[in-house]
Amino acid sequence: MLFAWWKTSLDMAMLGLEAQEVIAQRMAMFALGGPAAQVEAQLMVTEKIMAASETALMVAAGASNGKVIRNYRRKVRANALRLSKG
C-alpha cells in the first residue's frame, strides 16, 4: 500500500516537471510566432480535448490513478520529444 502511494506521488511529481518543460518549449515557440506557432496552438488544444476525453473513459472503465497518470506522462513526454526536435 505504501509503495503504491509512493509510486503515484513520484509519477505525479514527474508529470509536473515534464509538463513544465513542455510549457516552456511552447511559450518559446509562441513568442517567436509564425505559422509553426499557430499549428502548435491548434494541436495543443486538440490534444488537450482528446486527452481529457480519453481520461474520462479510463476513469469510467475503472482505471487506477496510477494508470491515468502514466498515460498523461506518456503524452507529455511525446510532446517534449516532438518540440525539442523542432
PDB file of N, CA and C in Angstrom:
ATOM      1  N   MET A   1       0.824  -1.190   0.000  1.00  0.00           N
ATOM      2  CA  MET A   1       0.000   0.000   0.000  1.00  0.00           C
ATOM      3  C   MET A   1       0.872   1.259   0.000  1.00  0.00           C
ATOM      4  N   LEU A   2       1.863   1.292   0.859  1.00  0.00           N
ATOM      5  CA  LEU A   2       2.734   2.457   0.941  1.00  0.00           C
ATOM      6  C   LEU A   2       3.537   2.622  -0.344  1.00  0.00           C
ATOM      7  N   PHE A   3       3.985   1.514  -0.934  1.00  0.00           N
ATOM      8  CA  PHE A   3       4.746   1.599  -2.183  1.00  0.00           C
ATOM      9  C   PHE A   3       3.897   2.194  -3.295  1.00  0.00           C
ATOM     10  N   ALA A   4       2.634   1.772  -3.395  1.00  0.00           N
ATOM     11  CA  ALA A   4       1.748   2.287  -4.441  1.00  0.00           C
ATOM     12  C   ALA A   4       1.547   3.789  -4.263  1.00  0.00           C
ATOM     13  N   TRP A   5       1.363   4.223  -3.048  1.00  0.00           N
ATOM     14  CA  TRP A   5       1.197   5.655  -2.772  1.00  0.00           C
ATOM     15  C   TRP A   5       2.457   6.411  -3.156  1.00  0.00           C
ATOM     16  N   TRP A   6       3.612   5.859  -2.792  1.00  0.00           N
ATOM     17  CA  TRP A   6       4.894   6.499  -3.098  1.00  0.00           C
ATOM     18  C   TRP A   6       5.109   6.579  -4.613  1.00  0.00           C
ATOM     19  N   LYS A   7       4.825   5.490  -5.325  1.00  0.00           N
ATOM     20  CA  LYS A   7       4.991   5.455  -6.778  1.00  0.00           C
ATOM     21  C   LYS A   7       4.078   6.482  -7.441  1.00  0.00           C
ATOM     22  N   THR A   8       2.827   6.554  -7.008  1.00  0.00           N
ATOM     23  CA  THR A   8       1.896   7.528  -7.571  1.00  0.00           C
ATOM     24  C   THR A   8       2.366   8.946  -7.299  1.00  0.00           C
ATOM     25  N   SER A   9       2.867   9.192  -6.105  1.00  0.00           N
ATOM     26  CA  SER A   9       3.372  10.524  -5.765  1.00  0.00           C
ATOM     27  C   SER A   9       4.555  10.911  -6.642  1.00  0.00           C
ATOM     28  N   LEU A  10       5.467   9.982  -6.864  1.00  0.00           N
ATOM     29  CA  LEU A  10       6.609  10.257  -7.738  1.00  0.00           C
ATOM     30  C   LEU A  10       6.167  10.482  -9.178  1.00  0.00           C
ATOM     31  N   ASP A  11       5.220   9.666  -9.642  1.00  0.00           N
ATOM     32  CA  ASP A  11       4.708   9.849 -11.001  1.00  0.00           C
ATOM     33  C   ASP A  11       4.050  11.215 -11.159  1.00  0.00           C
ATOM     34  N   MET A  12       3.313  11.661 -10.154  1.00  0.00           N
ATOM     35  CA  MET A  12       2.675  12.976 -10.214  1.00  0.00           C
ATOM     36  C   MET A  12       3.715  14.093 -10.221  1.00  0.00           C
ATOM     37  N   ALA A  13       4.742  13.946  -9.415  1.00  0.00           N
ATOM     38  CA  ALA A  13       5.805  14.955  -9.387  1.00  0.00           C
ATOM     39  C   ALA A  13       6.524  15.019 -10.725  1.00  0.00           C
ATOM     40  N   MET A  14       6.820  13.863 -11.298  1.00  0.00           N
ATOM     41  CA  MET A  14       7.489  13.836 -12.597  1.00  0.00           C
ATOM     42  C   MET A  14       6.587  14.410 -13.694  1.00  0.00           C
ATOM     43  N   LEU A  15       5.301  14.130 -13.625  1.00  0.00           N
ATOM     44  CA  LEU A  15       4.365  14.700 -14.585  1.00  0.00           C
ATOM     45  C   LEU A  15       4.403  16.222 -14.515  1.00  0.00           C
ATOM     46  N   GLY A  16       4.431  16.757 -13.306  1.00  0.00           N
ATOM     47  CA  GLY A  16       4.504  18.202 -13.144  1.00  0.00           C
ATOM     48  C   GLY A  16       5.762  18.791 -13.743  1.00  0.00           C
ATOM     49  N   LEU A  17       6.898  18.148 -13.497  1.00  0.00           N
ATOM     50  CA  LEU A  17       8.169  18.639 -14.050  1.00  0.00           C
ATOM     51  C   LEU A  17       8.202  18.532 -15.564  1.00  0.00           C
ATOM     52  N   GLU A  18       7.741  17.395 -16.073  1.00  0.00           N
ATOM     53  CA  GLU A  18       7.740  17.192 -17.525  1.00  0.00           C
ATOM     54  C   GLU A  18       6.787  18.166 -18.214  1.00  0.00           C
ATOM     55  N   ALA A  19       5.650  18.422 -17.594  1.00  0.00           N
ATOM     56  CA  ALA A  19       4.691  19.365 -18.174  1.00  0.00           C
ATOM     57  C   ALA A  19       5.282  20.773 -18.216  1.00  0.00           C
ATOM     58  N   GLN A  20       6.035  21.153 -17.189  1.00  0.00           N
ATOM     59  CA  GLN A  20       6.666  22.468 -17.182  1.00  0.00           C
ATOM     60  C   GLN A  20       7.655  22.614 -18.337  1.00  0.00           C
ATOM     61  N   GLU A  21       8.339  21.540 -18.665  1.00  0.00           N
ATOM     62  CA  GLU A  21       9.273  21.562 -19.799  1.00  0.00           C
ATOM     63  C   GLU A  21       8.520  21.825 -21.098  1.00  0.00           C
ATOM     64  N   VAL A  22       7.394  21.137 -21.281  1.00  0.00           N
ATOM     65  CA  VAL A  22       6.596  21.317 -22.491  1.00  0.00           C
ATOM     66  C   VAL A  22       6.023  22.733 -22.544  1.00  0.00           C
ATOM     67  N   ILE A  23       5.556  23.234 -21.416  1.00  0.00           N
ATOM     68  CA  ILE A  23       5.018  24.592 -21.365  1.00  0.00           C
ATOM     69  C   ILE A  23       6.093  25.601 -21.760  1.00  0.00           C
ATOM     70  N   ALA A  24       7.294  25.436 -21.252  1.00  0.00           N
ATOM     71  CA  ALA A  24       8.390  26.359 -21.586  1.00  0.00           C
ATOM     72  C   ALA A  24       8.723  26.301 -23.078  1.00  0.00           C
ATOM     73  N   GLN A  25       8.761  25.090 -23.623  1.00  0.00           N
ATOM     74  CA  GLN A  25       9.048  24.945 -25.054  1.00  0.00           C
ATOM     75  C   GLN A  25       7.959  25.609 -25.900  1.00  0.00           C
ATOM     76  N   ARG A  26       6.719  25.415 -25.499  1.00  0.00           N
ATOM     77  CA  ARG A  26       5.613  26.020 -26.251  1.00  0.00           C
ATOM     78  C   ARG A  26       5.623  27.540 -26.123  1.00  0.00           C
ATOM     79  N   MET A  27       5.873  28.050 -24.935  1.00  0.00           N
ATOM     80  CA  MET A  27       5.890  29.506 -24.756  1.00  0.00           C
ATOM     81  C   MET A  27       6.989  30.150 -25.594  1.00  0.00           C
ATOM     82  N   ALA A  28       8.129  29.486 -25.685  1.00  0.00           N
ATOM     83  CA  ALA A  28       9.214  29.999 -26.529  1.00  0.00           C
ATOM     84  C   ALA A  28       8.779  30.016 -27.993  1.00  0.00           C
ATOM     85  N   MET A  29       8.105  28.952 -28.428  1.00  0.00           N
ATOM     86  CA  MET A  29       7.623  28.884 -29.804  1.00  0.00           C
ATOM     87  C   MET A  29       6.575  29.966 -30.060  1.00  0.00           C
ATOM     88  N   PHE A  30       5.657  30.144 -29.117  1.00  0.00           N
ATOM     89  CA  PHE A  30       4.605  31.144 -29.286  1.00  0.00           C
ATOM     90  C   PHE A  30       5.199  32.551 -29.309  1.00  0.00           C
ATOM     91  N   ALA A  31       6.251  32.778 -28.536  1.00  0.00           N
ATOM     92  CA  ALA A  31       6.890  34.089 -28.510  1.00  0.00           C
ATOM     93  C   ALA A  31       7.506  34.426 -29.865  1.00  0.00           C
ATOM     94  N   LEU A  32       7.999  33.424 -30.560  1.00  0.00           N
ATOM     95  CA  LEU A  32       8.572  33.647 -31.889  1.00  0.00           C
ATOM     96  C   LEU A  32       7.491  33.873 -32.941  1.00  0.00           C
ATOM     97  N   GLY A  33       6.323  33.309 -32.706  1.00  0.00           N
ATOM     98  CA  GLY A  33       5.216  33.483 -33.646  1.00  0.00           C
ATOM     99  C   GLY A  33       5.422  32.702 -34.918  1.00  0.00           C
ATOM    100  N   GLY A  34       4.651  33.052 -35.919  1.00  0.00           N
ATOM    101  CA  GLY A  34       4.771  32.398 -37.216  1.00  0.00           C
ATOM    102  C   GLY A  34       3.821  31.233 -37.380  1.00  0.00           C
ATOM    103  N   PRO A  35       3.860  30.619 -38.546  1.00  0.00           N
ATOM    104  CA  PRO A  35       2.947  29.511 -38.848  1.00  0.00           C
ATOM    105  C   PRO A  35       3.133  28.310 -37.924  1.00  0.00           C
ATOM    106  N   ALA A  36       4.364  28.032 -37.545  1.00  0.00           N
ATOM    107  CA  ALA A  36       4.609  26.878 -36.659  1.00  0.00           C
ATOM    108  C   ALA A  36       3.933  27.085 -35.307  1.00  0.00           C
ATOM    109  N   ALA A  37       3.944  28.312 -34.817  1.00  0.00           N
ATOM    110  CA  ALA A  37       3.301  28.608 -33.535  1.00  0.00           C
ATOM    111  C   ALA A  37       1.790  28.432 -33.640  1.00  0.00           C
ATOM    112  N   GLN A  38       1.215  28.842 -34.746  1.00  0.00           N
ATOM    113  CA  GLN A  38      -0.227  28.690 -34.957  1.00  0.00           C
ATOM    114  C   GLN A  38      -0.610  27.215 -35.018  1.00  0.00           C
ATOM    115  N   VAL A  39       0.167  26.440 -35.734  1.00  0.00           N
ATOM    116  CA  VAL A  39      -0.098  24.998 -35.827  1.00  0.00           C
ATOM    117  C   VAL A  39       0.021  24.355 -34.444  1.00  0.00           C
ATOM    118  N   GLU A  40       1.050  24.738 -33.698  1.00  0.00           N
ATOM    119  CA  GLU A  40       1.250  24.175 -32.350  1.00  0.00           C
ATOM    120  C   GLU A  40       0.098  24.539 -31.425  1.00  0.00           C
ATOM    121  N   ALA A  41      -0.388  25.763 -31.505  1.00  0.00           N
ATOM    122  CA  ALA A  41      -1.504  26.186 -30.656  1.00  0.00           C
ATOM    123  C   ALA A  41      -2.753  25.359 -30.960  1.00  0.00           C
ATOM    124  N   GLN A  42      -3.023  25.140 -32.225  1.00  0.00           N
ATOM    125  CA  GLN A  42      -4.184  24.331 -32.594  1.00  0.00           C
ATOM    126  C   GLN A  42      -4.008  22.879 -32.167  1.00  0.00           C
ATOM    127  N   LEU A  43      -2.809  22.355 -32.351  1.00  0.00           N
ATOM    128  CA  LEU A  43      -2.522  20.984 -31.939  1.00  0.00           C
ATOM    129  C   LEU A  43      -2.656  20.833 -30.430  1.00  0.00           C
ATOM    130  N   MET A  44      -2.167  21.819 -29.692  1.00  0.00           N
ATOM    131  CA  MET A  44      -2.219  21.777 -28.231  1.00  0.00           C
ATOM    132  C   MET A  44      -3.672  21.678 -27.749  1.00  0.00           C
ATOM    133  N   VAL A  45      -4.549  22.496 -28.303  1.00  0.00           N
ATOM    134  CA  VAL A  45      -5.952  22.474 -27.887  1.00  0.00           C
ATOM    135  C   VAL A  45      -6.592  21.135 -28.245  1.00  0.00           C
ATOM    136  N   THR A  46      -6.346  20.658 -29.443  1.00  0.00           N
ATOM    137  CA  THR A  46      -6.894  19.374 -29.869  1.00  0.00           C
ATOM    138  C   THR A  46      -6.409  18.243 -28.970  1.00  0.00           C
ATOM    139  N   GLU A  47      -5.101  18.238 -28.665  1.00  0.00           N
ATOM    140  CA  GLU A  47      -4.539  17.188 -27.805  1.00  0.00           C
ATOM    141  C   GLU A  47      -5.155  17.222 -26.413  1.00  0.00           C
ATOM    142  N   LYS A  48      -5.372  18.407 -25.881  1.00  0.00           N
ATOM    143  CA  LYS A  48      -5.938  18.519 -24.536  1.00  0.00           C
ATOM    144  C   LYS A  48      -7.369  17.987 -24.493  1.00  0.00           C
ATOM    145  N   ILE A  49      -8.156  18.291 -25.514  1.00  0.00           N
ATOM    146  CA  ILE A  49      -9.524  17.783 -25.566  1.00  0.00           C
ATOM    147  C   ILE A  49      -9.518  16.261 -25.674  1.00  0.00           C
ATOM    148  N   MET A  50      -8.644  15.736 -26.532  1.00  0.00           N
ATOM    149  CA  MET A  50      -8.563  14.280 -26.695  1.00  0.00           C
ATOM    150  C   MET A  50      -8.081  13.604 -25.410  1.00  0.00           C
ATOM    151  N   ALA A  51      -7.090  14.191 -24.748  1.00  0.00           N
ATOM    152  CA  ALA A  51      -6.569  13.607 -23.512  1.00  0.00           C
ATOM    153  C   ALA A  51      -7.630  13.610 -22.416  1.00  0.00           C
ATOM    154  N   ALA A  52      -8.399  14.695 -22.322  1.00  0.00           N
ATOM    155  CA  ALA A  52      -9.460  14.754 -21.309  1.00  0.00           C
ATOM    156  C   ALA A  52     -10.541  13.711 -21.587  1.00  0.00           C
ATOM    157  N   SER A  53     -10.894  13.545 -22.850  1.00  0.00           N
ATOM    158  CA  SER A  53     -11.901  12.542 -23.217  1.00  0.00           C
ATOM    159  C   SER A  53     -11.399  11.132 -22.916  1.00  0.00           C
ATOM    160  N   GLU A  54     -10.148  10.879 -23.270  1.00  0.00           N
ATOM    161  CA  GLU A  54      -9.557   9.558 -23.017  1.00  0.00           C
ATOM    162  C   GLU A  54      -9.494   9.270 -21.518  1.00  0.00           C
ATOM    163  N   THR A  55      -9.143  10.282 -20.750  1.00  0.00           N
ATOM    164  CA  THR A  55      -9.074  10.107 -19.294  1.00  0.00           C
ATOM    165  C   THR A  55     -10.455   9.820 -18.717  1.00  0.00           C
ATOM    166  N   ALA A  56     -11.462  10.537 -19.199  1.00  0.00           N
ATOM    167  CA  ALA A  56     -12.822  10.290 -18.717  1.00  0.00           C
ATOM    168  C   ALA A  56     -13.238   8.847 -18.991  1.00  0.00           C
ATOM    169  N   LEU A  57     -12.896   8.342 -20.168  1.00  0.00           N
ATOM    170  CA  LEU A  57     -13.217   6.947 -20.491  1.00  0.00           C
ATOM    171  C   LEU A  57     -12.443   5.983 -19.601  1.00  0.00           C
ATOM    172  N   MET A  58     -11.169   6.304 -19.351  1.00  0.00           N
ATOM    173  CA  MET A  58     -10.361   5.435 -18.491  1.00  0.00           C
ATOM    174  C   MET A  58     -10.945   5.373 -17.082  1.00  0.00           C
ATOM    175  N   VAL A  59     -11.326   6.536 -16.550  1.00  0.00           N
ATOM    176  CA  VAL A  59     -11.893   6.586 -15.200  1.00  0.00           C
ATOM    177  C   VAL A  59     -13.224   5.846 -15.162  1.00  0.00           C
ATOM    178  N   ALA A  60     -14.050   6.048 -16.188  1.00  0.00           N
ATOM    179  CA  ALA A  60     -15.338   5.355 -16.246  1.00  0.00           C
ATOM    180  C   ALA A  60     -15.160   3.842 -16.316  1.00  0.00           C
ATOM    181  N   ALA A  61     -14.064   3.406 -16.939  1.00  0.00           N
ATOM    182  CA  ALA A  61     -13.790   1.972 -17.051  1.00  0.00           C
ATOM    183  C   ALA A  61     -13.108   1.425 -15.797  1.00  0.00           C
ATOM    184  N   GLY A  62     -12.814   2.289 -14.834  1.00  0.00           N
ATOM    185  CA  GLY A  62     -12.242   1.825 -13.578  1.00  0.00           C
ATOM    186  C   GLY A  62     -10.727   1.831 -13.514  1.00  0.00           C
ATOM    187  N   ALA A  63     -10.080   2.611 -14.373  1.00  0.00           N
ATOM    188  CA  ALA A  63      -8.612   2.669 -14.358  1.00  0.00           C
ATOM    189  C   ALA A  63      -8.118   3.268 -13.034  1.00  0.00           C
ATOM    190  N   SER A  64      -6.970   2.824 -12.616  1.00  0.00           N
ATOM    191  CA  SER A  64      -6.384   3.341 -11.379  1.00  0.00           C
ATOM    192  C   SER A  64      -5.803   4.732 -11.611  1.00  0.00           C
ATOM    193  N   ASN A  65      -5.590   5.448 -10.514  1.00  0.00           N
ATOM    194  CA  ASN A  65      -4.954   6.760 -10.606  1.00  0.00           C
ATOM    195  C   ASN A  65      -3.598   6.650 -11.285  1.00  0.00           C
ATOM    196  N   GLY A  66      -2.845   5.643 -10.910  1.00  0.00           N
ATOM    197  CA  GLY A  66      -1.518   5.449 -11.473  1.00  0.00           C
ATOM    198  C   GLY A  66      -1.553   5.254 -12.975  1.00  0.00           C
ATOM    199  N   LYS A  67      -2.520   4.496 -13.449  1.00  0.00           N
ATOM    200  CA  LYS A  67      -2.624   4.258 -14.889  1.00  0.00           C
ATOM    201  C   LYS A  67      -2.959   5.555 -15.632  1.00  0.00           C
ATOM    202  N   VAL A  68      -3.848   6.357 -15.064  1.00  0.00           N
ATOM    203  CA  VAL A  68      -4.209   7.631 -15.680  1.00  0.00           C
ATOM    204  C   VAL A  68      -2.989   8.560 -15.722  1.00  0.00           C
ATOM    205  N   ILE A  69      -2.264   8.632 -14.628  1.00  0.00           N
ATOM    206  CA  ILE A  69      -1.081   9.500 -14.564  1.00  0.00           C
ATOM    207  C   ILE A  69      -0.023   9.031 -15.556  1.00  0.00           C
ATOM    208  N   ARG A  70       0.213   7.716 -15.621  1.00  0.00           N
ATOM    209  CA  ARG A  70       1.194   7.195 -16.575  1.00  0.00           C
ATOM    210  C   ARG A  70       0.790   7.500 -18.010  1.00  0.00           C
ATOM    211  N   ASN A  71      -0.501   7.457 -18.303  1.00  0.00           N
ATOM    212  CA  ASN A  71      -0.984   7.777 -19.646  1.00  0.00           C
ATOM    213  C   ASN A  71      -0.691   9.252 -19.977  1.00  0.00           C
ATOM    214  N   TYR A  72      -0.954  10.145 -19.030  1.00  0.00           N
ATOM    215  CA  TYR A  72      -0.645  11.559 -19.244  1.00  0.00           C
ATOM    216  C   TYR A  72       0.854  11.774 -19.409  1.00  0.00           C
ATOM    217  N   ARG A  73       1.651  11.089 -18.602  1.00  0.00           N
ATOM    218  CA  ARG A  73       3.109  11.247 -18.710  1.00  0.00           C
ATOM    219  C   ARG A  73       3.606  10.812 -20.085  1.00  0.00           C
ATOM    220  N   ARG A  74       3.048   9.749 -20.608  1.00  0.00           N
ATOM    221  CA  ARG A  74       3.437   9.269 -21.939  1.00  0.00           C
ATOM    222  C   ARG A  74       3.158  10.347 -22.983  1.00  0.00           C
ATOM    223  N   LYS A  75       2.016  10.983 -22.883  1.00  0.00           N
ATOM    224  CA  LYS A  75       1.653  12.037 -23.833  1.00  0.00           C
ATOM    225  C   LYS A  75       2.548  13.263 -23.677  1.00  0.00           C
ATOM    226  N   VAL A  76       2.840  13.630 -22.443  1.00  0.00           N
ATOM    227  CA  VAL A  76       3.690  14.800 -22.195  1.00  0.00           C
ATOM    228  C   VAL A  76       5.105  14.544 -22.695  1.00  0.00           C
ATOM    229  N   ARG A  77       5.635  13.358 -22.437  1.00  0.00           N
ATOM    230  CA  ARG A  77       6.984  13.031 -22.926  1.00  0.00           C
ATOM    231  C   ARG A  77       7.036  13.046 -24.453  1.00  0.00           C
ATOM    232  N   ALA A  78       5.989  12.565 -25.100  1.00  0.00           N
ATOM    233  CA  ALA A  78       5.938  12.586 -26.566  1.00  0.00           C
ATOM    234  C   ALA A  78       5.951  14.029 -27.072  1.00  0.00           C
ATOM    235  N   ASN A  79       5.218  14.906 -26.403  1.00  0.00           N
ATOM    236  CA  ASN A  79       5.221  16.312 -26.789  1.00  0.00           C
ATOM    237  C   ASN A  79       6.594  16.937 -26.574  1.00  0.00           C
ATOM    238  N   ALA A  80       7.226  16.636 -25.464  1.00  0.00           N
ATOM    239  CA  ALA A  80       8.552  17.187 -25.181  1.00  0.00           C
ATOM    240  C   ALA A  80       9.544  16.746 -26.258  1.00  0.00           C
ATOM    241  N   LEU A  81       9.493  15.501 -26.644  1.00  0.00           N
ATOM    242  CA  LEU A  81      10.382  14.993 -27.680  1.00  0.00           C
ATOM    243  C   LEU A  81      10.104  15.675 -29.016  1.00  0.00           C
ATOM    244  N   ARG A  82       8.832  15.775 -29.381  1.00  0.00           N
ATOM    245  CA  ARG A  82       8.458  16.399 -30.647  1.00  0.00           C
ATOM    246  C   ARG A  82       8.883  17.870 -30.673  1.00  0.00           C
ATOM    247  N   LEU A  83       8.666  18.594 -29.585  1.00  0.00           N
ATOM    248  CA  LEU A  83       9.002  20.009 -29.546  1.00  0.00           C
ATOM    249  C   LEU A  83      10.516  20.243 -29.523  1.00  0.00           C
ATOM    250  N   SER A  84      11.253  19.324 -28.920  1.00  0.00           N
ATOM    251  CA  SER A  84      12.706  19.505 -28.857  1.00  0.00           C
ATOM    252  C   SER A  84      13.358  19.272 -30.223  1.00  0.00           C
ATOM    253  N   LYS A  85      12.684  18.534 -31.105  1.00  0.00           N
ATOM    254  CA  LYS A  85      13.235  18.291 -32.440  1.00  0.00           C
ATOM    255  C   LYS A  85      12.979  19.462 -33.382  1.00  0.00           C
ATOM    256  N   GLY A  86      11.946  20.274 -33.054  1.00  0.00           N
ATOM    257  CA  GLY A  86      11.551  21.353 -33.964  1.00  0.00           C
ATOM    258  C   GLY A  86      12.309  22.582 -33.762  1.00  0.00           C
TER     259      GLY A  86
END
